[in-house]
Amino acid sequence: MGIADNKFFAGVAGVAKAITRTGRAPEQIIIQRRQICVACPHQQITMAGKKCALCGCWTDLKTVNADQFCPATPPRWNAIP
């Protein structure tokens, strides 16, 4: 299994966590993260939704998961331990 496969499965797991509300960040953190992403030059608006150009994740889903972090260097927001 290659790196692309691992990223794919990690993405699928992240989407599943967001949908099932497993490991969800507090609502205020989600709001803050989304505000940061809206102002980020790496956010892309597509017909399917908002997407990060750095990692390819859908930002409305990624920002929900507590264990996720911004892929920018330095990160614009961090995972919650």
N, C-alpha and C. Protein backbone atom coordinates (compact mmCIF):
# COMPACT_ATOMS: atom_id res chain seq x y z
N MET A 1 0.84 -1.17 0.00
CA MET A 1 0.00 0.00 0.00
C MET A 1 0.89 1.24 0.00
N GLY A 2 0.60 2.21 -0.87
CA GLY A 2 1.42 3.40 -1.00
C GLY A 2 0.92 4.56 -0.15
N ILE A 3 1.64 5.65 -0.21
CA ILE A 3 1.28 6.85 0.56
C ILE A 3 -0.08 7.36 0.15
N ALA A 4 -0.39 7.35 -1.14
CA ALA A 4 -1.69 7.83 -1.61
C ALA A 4 -2.81 6.99 -1.02
N ASP A 5 -2.60 5.68 -0.91
CA ASP A 5 -3.61 4.81 -0.31
C ASP A 5 -3.83 5.16 1.15
N ASN A 6 -2.75 5.41 1.88
CA ASN A 6 -2.87 5.78 3.29
C ASN A 6 -3.62 7.09 3.46
N LYS A 7 -3.33 8.07 2.59
CA LYS A 7 -4.04 9.35 2.66
C LYS A 7 -5.52 9.15 2.35
N PHE A 8 -5.81 8.28 1.39
CA PHE A 8 -7.20 8.01 1.04
C PHE A 8 -7.96 7.43 2.23
N PHE A 9 -7.37 6.40 2.86
CA PHE A 9 -8.04 5.76 4.00
C PHE A 9 -8.14 6.70 5.20
N ALA A 10 -7.13 7.54 5.40
CA ALA A 10 -7.19 8.52 6.48
C ALA A 10 -8.32 9.52 6.20
N GLY A 11 -8.48 9.90 4.94
CA GLY A 11 -9.56 10.81 4.56
C GLY A 11 -10.92 10.19 4.76
N VAL A 12 -11.06 8.94 4.38
CA VAL A 12 -12.33 8.23 4.57
C VAL A 12 -12.66 8.13 6.06
N ALA A 13 -11.65 7.82 6.86
CA ALA A 13 -11.86 7.72 8.31
C ALA A 13 -12.28 9.08 8.88
N GLY A 14 -11.66 10.15 8.39
CA GLY A 14 -12.01 11.49 8.86
C GLY A 14 -13.44 11.86 8.51
N VAL A 15 -13.88 11.53 7.31
CA VAL A 15 -15.25 11.79 6.89
C VAL A 15 -16.22 10.99 7.76
N ALA A 16 -15.91 9.73 7.99
CA ALA A 16 -16.77 8.88 8.83
C ALA A 16 -16.89 9.45 10.24
N LYS A 17 -15.77 9.91 10.80
CA LYS A 17 -15.80 10.50 12.14
C LYS A 17 -16.66 11.76 12.16
N ALA A 18 -16.55 12.58 11.13
CA ALA A 18 -17.33 13.82 11.07
C ALA A 18 -18.82 13.51 10.99
N ILE A 19 -19.18 12.54 10.17
CA ILE A 19 -20.59 12.19 9.98
C ILE A 19 -21.18 11.56 11.23
N THR A 20 -20.41 10.70 11.90
CA THR A 20 -20.93 10.00 13.08
C THR A 20 -20.73 10.80 14.37
N ARG A 21 -20.07 11.96 14.26
CA ARG A 21 -19.81 12.83 15.40
C ARG A 21 -18.87 12.20 16.43
N THR A 22 -18.04 11.27 15.99
CA THR A 22 -17.05 10.63 16.86
C THR A 22 -15.82 11.53 16.93
N GLY A 23 -15.36 11.85 18.13
CA GLY A 23 -14.17 12.68 18.27
C GLY A 23 -14.40 14.12 17.82
N ARG A 24 -15.61 14.59 18.01
CA ARG A 24 -16.00 15.93 17.57
C ARG A 24 -15.38 17.02 18.44
N ALA A 25 -14.92 18.08 17.81
CA ALA A 25 -14.40 19.24 18.53
C ALA A 25 -15.57 20.03 19.11
N PRO A 26 -15.33 20.80 20.16
CA PRO A 26 -16.39 21.67 20.70
C PRO A 26 -16.87 22.66 19.63
N GLU A 27 -18.12 23.01 19.68
CA GLU A 27 -18.74 23.86 18.66
C GLU A 27 -17.99 25.18 18.46
N GLN A 28 -17.54 25.81 19.54
CA GLN A 28 -16.82 27.08 19.43
C GLN A 28 -15.50 26.91 18.65
N ILE A 29 -14.83 25.79 18.87
CA ILE A 29 -13.59 25.50 18.14
C ILE A 29 -13.88 25.30 16.66
N ILE A 30 -14.95 24.59 16.35
CA ILE A 30 -15.34 24.36 14.95
C ILE A 30 -15.59 25.70 14.26
N ILE A 31 -16.31 26.58 14.93
CA ILE A 31 -16.61 27.91 14.37
C ILE A 31 -15.31 28.69 14.13
N GLN A 32 -14.40 28.68 15.10
CA GLN A 32 -13.12 29.39 14.94
C GLN A 32 -12.31 28.82 13.78
N ARG A 33 -12.24 27.50 13.71
CA ARG A 33 -11.49 26.86 12.63
C ARG A 33 -12.06 27.25 11.27
N ARG A 34 -13.37 27.22 11.14
CA ARG A 34 -14.00 27.54 9.85
C ARG A 34 -13.78 29.00 9.47
N GLN A 35 -13.79 29.89 10.45
CA GLN A 35 -13.50 31.30 10.17
C GLN A 35 -12.08 31.47 9.66
N ILE A 36 -11.15 30.73 10.25
CA ILE A 36 -9.75 30.77 9.80
C ILE A 36 -9.65 30.25 8.37
N CYS A 37 -10.32 29.14 8.08
CA CYS A 37 -10.27 28.56 6.74
C CYS A 37 -10.89 29.49 5.69
N VAL A 38 -11.95 30.18 6.03
CA VAL A 38 -12.60 31.09 5.08
C VAL A 38 -11.63 32.18 4.65
N ALA A 39 -10.79 32.64 5.58
CA ALA A 39 -9.83 33.71 5.29
C ALA A 39 -8.53 33.20 4.66
N CYS A 40 -8.36 31.90 4.57
CA CYS A 40 -7.11 31.30 4.10
C CYS A 40 -7.02 31.33 2.57
N PRO A 41 -5.86 31.70 2.02
CA PRO A 41 -5.71 31.72 0.57
C PRO A 41 -5.69 30.32 -0.06
N HIS A 42 -5.56 29.27 0.76
CA HIS A 42 -5.52 27.90 0.25
C HIS A 42 -6.90 27.26 0.15
N GLN A 43 -7.92 27.95 0.67
CA GLN A 43 -9.27 27.37 0.57
C GLN A 43 -9.81 27.57 -0.83
N GLN A 44 -10.36 26.50 -1.38
CA GLN A 44 -10.96 26.54 -2.71
C GLN A 44 -12.46 26.32 -2.56
N ILE A 45 -13.23 27.09 -3.28
CA ILE A 45 -14.67 26.90 -3.30
C ILE A 45 -15.00 26.15 -4.59
N THR A 46 -15.58 24.97 -4.45
CA THR A 46 -15.93 24.15 -5.61
C THR A 46 -17.43 23.94 -5.64
N MET A 47 -17.90 23.31 -6.67
CA MET A 47 -19.34 23.00 -6.75
C MET A 47 -19.74 22.03 -5.63
N ALA A 48 -18.80 21.22 -5.19
CA ALA A 48 -19.09 20.22 -4.15
C ALA A 48 -18.91 20.77 -2.73
N GLY A 49 -18.26 21.92 -2.58
CA GLY A 49 -18.06 22.49 -1.25
C GLY A 49 -16.70 23.16 -1.13
N LYS A 50 -16.31 23.43 0.11
CA LYS A 50 -15.04 24.10 0.39
C LYS A 50 -13.95 23.06 0.61
N LYS A 51 -12.81 23.28 -0.04
CA LYS A 51 -11.73 22.29 -0.02
C LYS A 51 -10.39 22.98 0.22
N CYS A 52 -9.52 22.32 0.99
CA CYS A 52 -8.18 22.83 1.24
C CYS A 52 -7.27 22.42 0.09
N ALA A 53 -6.59 23.39 -0.51
CA ALA A 53 -5.68 23.10 -1.62
C ALA A 53 -4.40 22.42 -1.15
N LEU A 54 -4.07 22.52 0.13
CA LEU A 54 -2.85 21.91 0.64
C LEU A 54 -3.00 20.42 0.89
N CYS A 55 -4.10 20.01 1.51
CA CYS A 55 -4.26 18.60 1.87
C CYS A 55 -5.37 17.89 1.09
N GLY A 56 -6.23 18.67 0.43
CA GLY A 56 -7.31 18.07 -0.34
C GLY A 56 -8.55 17.73 0.46
N CYS A 57 -8.55 18.07 1.75
CA CYS A 57 -9.70 17.75 2.62
C CYS A 57 -10.84 18.75 2.42
N TRP A 58 -12.05 18.29 2.66
CA TRP A 58 -13.21 19.17 2.67
C TRP A 58 -13.20 19.88 4.02
N THR A 59 -13.08 21.20 4.01
CA THR A 59 -12.87 21.94 5.26
C THR A 59 -14.06 21.87 6.21
N ASP A 60 -15.28 21.79 5.69
CA ASP A 60 -16.43 21.69 6.58
C ASP A 60 -16.42 20.38 7.37
N LEU A 61 -15.78 19.36 6.84
CA LEU A 61 -15.66 18.09 7.56
C LEU A 61 -14.41 18.05 8.44
N LYS A 62 -13.30 18.50 7.90
CA LYS A 62 -12.03 18.45 8.63
C LYS A 62 -12.08 19.28 9.91
N THR A 63 -12.71 20.43 9.86
CA THR A 63 -12.75 21.32 11.02
C THR A 63 -13.58 20.76 12.18
N VAL A 64 -14.40 19.76 11.92
CA VAL A 64 -15.24 19.15 12.94
C VAL A 64 -14.46 18.19 13.84
N ASN A 65 -13.47 17.52 13.28
CA ASN A 65 -12.74 16.49 14.01
C ASN A 65 -11.67 17.09 14.92
N ALA A 66 -11.73 16.76 16.20
CA ALA A 66 -10.82 17.31 17.20
C ALA A 66 -9.37 16.98 16.89
N ASP A 67 -9.09 15.80 16.32
CA ASP A 67 -7.71 15.37 16.11
C ASP A 67 -7.08 15.89 14.82
N GLN A 68 -7.79 16.70 14.07
CA GLN A 68 -7.27 17.24 12.82
C GLN A 68 -6.54 18.56 13.06
N PHE A 69 -5.68 18.94 12.12
CA PHE A 69 -4.94 20.20 12.22
C PHE A 69 -4.77 20.78 10.82
N CYS A 70 -4.48 22.06 10.77
CA CYS A 70 -4.26 22.74 9.50
C CYS A 70 -2.92 22.29 8.92
N PRO A 71 -2.86 21.96 7.62
CA PRO A 71 -1.62 21.49 7.02
C PRO A 71 -0.63 22.60 6.64
N ALA A 72 -1.01 23.86 6.82
CA ALA A 72 -0.11 24.96 6.47
C ALA A 72 1.11 24.97 7.40
N THR A 73 2.18 25.60 6.95
CA THR A 73 3.38 25.73 7.77
C THR A 73 3.62 27.21 8.01
N PRO A 74 3.46 27.69 9.24
CA PRO A 74 2.99 26.95 10.43
C PRO A 74 1.47 26.76 10.33
N PRO A 75 0.94 25.79 11.10
CA PRO A 75 -0.51 25.53 11.08
C PRO A 75 -1.30 26.77 11.53
N ARG A 76 -2.41 27.00 10.87
CA ARG A 76 -3.28 28.11 11.26
C ARG A 76 -4.18 27.73 12.44
N TRP A 77 -4.40 26.42 12.62
CA TRP A 77 -5.09 25.89 13.81
C TRP A 77 -4.59 24.48 14.06
N ASN A 78 -4.67 24.05 15.32
CA ASN A 78 -4.06 22.78 15.75
C ASN A 78 -5.10 21.77 16.20
N ALA A 79 -4.65 20.53 16.31
CA ALA A 79 -5.49 19.46 16.86
C ALA A 79 -5.71 19.73 18.34
N ILE A 80 -6.80 19.20 18.85
CA ILE A 80 -7.10 19.29 20.28
C ILE A 80 -6.66 17.97 20.91
N PRO A 81 -5.77 18.05 21.91
CA PRO A 81 -5.28 16.79 22.53
C PRO A 81 -6.38 16.03 23.26
